[in-house]
Protein backbone atom coordinates (compact mmCIF):
# COMPACT_ATOMS: atom_id res chain seq x y z
CA MET A 1 -3.39 50.87 -77.35
CA THR A 2 0.36 50.23 -77.41
CA THR A 3 1.66 46.91 -78.60
CA LYS A 4 5.01 45.52 -77.61
CA LYS A 5 7.32 43.94 -80.09
CA SER A 6 7.85 40.24 -79.49
CA LEU A 7 11.45 39.55 -78.51
CA THR A 8 13.44 36.81 -80.09
CA LEU A 9 14.99 34.02 -78.08
CA GLU A 10 18.34 35.65 -78.48
CA GLU A 11 17.03 38.94 -77.17
CA TYR A 12 15.45 37.55 -74.03
CA SER A 13 18.01 34.77 -73.45
CA PRO A 14 19.86 36.70 -70.60
CA LYS A 15 16.49 37.17 -68.76
CA LEU A 16 15.70 33.50 -69.38
CA GLU A 17 19.03 32.43 -67.92
CA ARG A 18 18.31 34.66 -64.95
CA LEU A 19 14.93 33.02 -64.44
CA ILE A 20 16.52 29.58 -64.65
CA ASP A 21 19.23 30.49 -62.16
CA ALA A 22 16.84 31.79 -59.67
CA ASN A 23 14.46 28.78 -59.91
CA LEU A 24 17.34 26.25 -59.75
CA ASN A 25 18.48 27.96 -56.53
CA ARG A 26 14.93 28.06 -55.20
CA LEU A 27 14.36 24.41 -56.00
CA LYS A 28 17.61 23.17 -54.42
CA GLU A 29 16.98 25.33 -51.28
CA GLY A 30 13.53 23.97 -50.85
CA LEU A 31 14.75 20.45 -51.30
CA ARG A 32 17.60 21.05 -48.74
CA VAL A 33 15.10 22.25 -46.10
CA ILE A 34 12.86 19.15 -46.61
CA GLU A 35 15.83 16.85 -46.73
CA ASP A 36 17.28 18.28 -43.46
CA VAL A 37 13.93 18.04 -41.68
CA CYS A 38 13.65 14.42 -42.74
CA ARG A 39 17.31 13.72 -41.78
CA TYR A 40 17.77 15.69 -38.51
CA ILE A 41 14.24 15.88 -37.07
CA HIS A 42 12.67 12.58 -38.22
CA ASP A 43 15.80 10.44 -38.73
CA ASP A 44 14.02 9.16 -41.82
CA THR A 45 16.10 6.61 -43.66
CA ILE A 46 13.61 6.24 -46.53
CA LEU A 47 12.77 9.89 -47.60
CA THR A 48 16.12 11.49 -46.78
CA PRO A 49 18.10 9.59 -49.45
CA GLN A 50 15.29 10.03 -52.02
CA ILE A 51 15.39 13.79 -51.59
CA LYS A 52 19.16 13.89 -51.56
CA SER A 53 19.28 11.87 -54.82
CA LEU A 54 16.73 14.12 -56.42
CA ARG A 55 18.67 17.22 -55.45
CA HIS A 56 21.91 15.80 -56.87
CA GLN A 57 20.15 14.93 -60.21
CA LEU A 58 19.59 18.62 -60.73
CA GLN A 59 23.27 19.29 -61.07
CA GLN A 60 23.15 18.44 -64.78
CA ALA A 61 21.10 21.56 -65.33
CA TYR A 62 23.64 23.86 -63.64
CA SER A 63 25.93 26.14 -65.63
CA LYS A 64 28.49 28.50 -64.21
CA ASN A 65 27.78 30.81 -67.20
CA ARG A 66 24.39 31.65 -65.68
CA LEU A 67 26.04 33.34 -62.73
CA LYS A 68 26.74 36.37 -64.90
CA TYR A 69 22.95 36.89 -65.35
CA ARG A 70 22.29 36.80 -61.57
CA ASP A 71 21.08 40.23 -60.43
CA ILE A 72 20.62 40.25 -56.68
CA GLU A 73 20.67 44.02 -56.36
CA GLY A 74 18.16 44.42 -59.18
CA ASP A 75 15.76 41.80 -57.95
CA ILE A 76 12.45 43.58 -57.58
CA GLN A 77 11.04 41.07 -55.16
CA LYS A 78 13.95 39.94 -52.90
CA LYS A 79 12.30 41.34 -49.79
CA SER A 80 10.31 38.68 -47.89
CA THR A 81 6.55 38.93 -47.65
CA LYS A 82 4.73 38.60 -44.27
CA SER A 83 3.61 35.01 -45.15
CA GLU A 84 7.22 34.01 -45.90
CA LEU A 85 8.25 35.16 -42.44
CA ASN A 86 5.41 33.38 -40.63
CA ARG A 87 6.05 29.78 -39.80
CA ASN A 88 4.12 28.50 -36.80
CA SER A 89 4.91 24.79 -37.00
CA LEU A 90 7.06 22.20 -38.71
CA ASP A 91 4.09 21.51 -40.96
CA ASP A 92 4.08 25.12 -42.12
CA LEU A 93 7.84 24.90 -42.91
CA ILE A 94 7.39 21.63 -44.85
CA ILE A 95 4.41 22.82 -46.74
CA ALA A 96 6.18 26.03 -47.77
CA ASN A 97 9.17 24.20 -48.96
CA PHE A 98 7.39 21.47 -50.88
CA SER A 99 5.41 24.24 -52.57
CA ARG A 100 8.57 26.21 -53.37
CA ALA A 101 10.28 23.15 -54.89
CA GLU A 102 7.22 22.05 -56.89
CA GLU A 103 6.56 25.54 -58.24
CA SER A 104 10.18 26.03 -59.20
CA SER A 105 10.19 22.62 -60.95
CA ARG A 106 7.27 23.78 -63.02
CA VAL A 107 8.94 27.03 -64.01
CA LEU A 108 12.12 25.16 -64.98
CA GLU A 109 10.10 22.59 -66.96
CA GLU A 110 8.54 25.36 -68.97
CA ALA A 111 11.69 27.49 -69.34
CA PHE A 112 13.75 24.53 -70.58
CA LYS A 113 11.19 23.86 -73.32
CA LEU A 114 12.80 26.80 -75.04
CA LEU A 115 16.38 25.59 -74.56
CA ASP A 116 16.63 21.83 -73.87
CA ILE A 117 13.70 19.46 -74.04
CA SER A 118 15.62 16.75 -72.13
CA LEU A 119 16.11 19.14 -69.20
CA SER A 120 12.43 20.13 -69.46
CA GLU A 121 11.53 16.43 -69.04
CA LEU A 122 13.91 16.15 -66.05
CA PHE A 123 12.02 18.94 -64.26
CA LYS A 124 8.69 17.45 -65.13
CA GLN A 125 9.84 14.17 -63.60
CA THR A 126 11.26 16.03 -60.63
CA ARG A 127 7.88 17.74 -60.01
CA TYR A 128 6.01 14.46 -60.08
CA LYS A 129 8.58 12.83 -57.78
CA LEU A 130 8.11 15.69 -55.39
CA TYR A 131 4.36 15.20 -55.38
CA ALA A 132 4.92 11.59 -54.42
CA ILE A 133 7.47 12.34 -51.75
CA GLU A 134 5.13 15.06 -50.29
CA LYS A 135 2.30 12.46 -50.13
CA ASP A 136 4.57 9.92 -48.49
CA TYR A 137 5.84 12.52 -46.01
CA SER A 138 2.24 13.60 -45.20
CA HIS A 139 1.21 10.02 -44.75
CA VAL A 140 4.01 9.34 -42.23
CA TYR A 141 4.26 12.64 -40.33
CA SER A 142 0.77 14.18 -40.36
């Protein structure tokens, strides 16, 4: 049995920065889809500004320095899966994007535990706010 040597934070830091960059993008993209559905399809004056505000709060976690760790060409899973390409209704679109945003929030919450506990807490709060917004959305539009 082969054992792998544990990497130090310094050794895996570039990969961690890449993980953070990808999940910040994923989170903001998911939020934007939900926000635009609320704004342009539902004309929702309650949920739209909540989502927009949440999206703007995430800016504090952004860093231009992370762009150097972005590896689009080397991404082993950039190709869409069948399920990602299959949306049969607005509900499918909304469910997929709430899930995308919530999952990314969780990844960021965990990753920032290694770098900045205050940002970890931000993403925990973001995740719970998303759960509440999803419940409100479902209550109004399902």
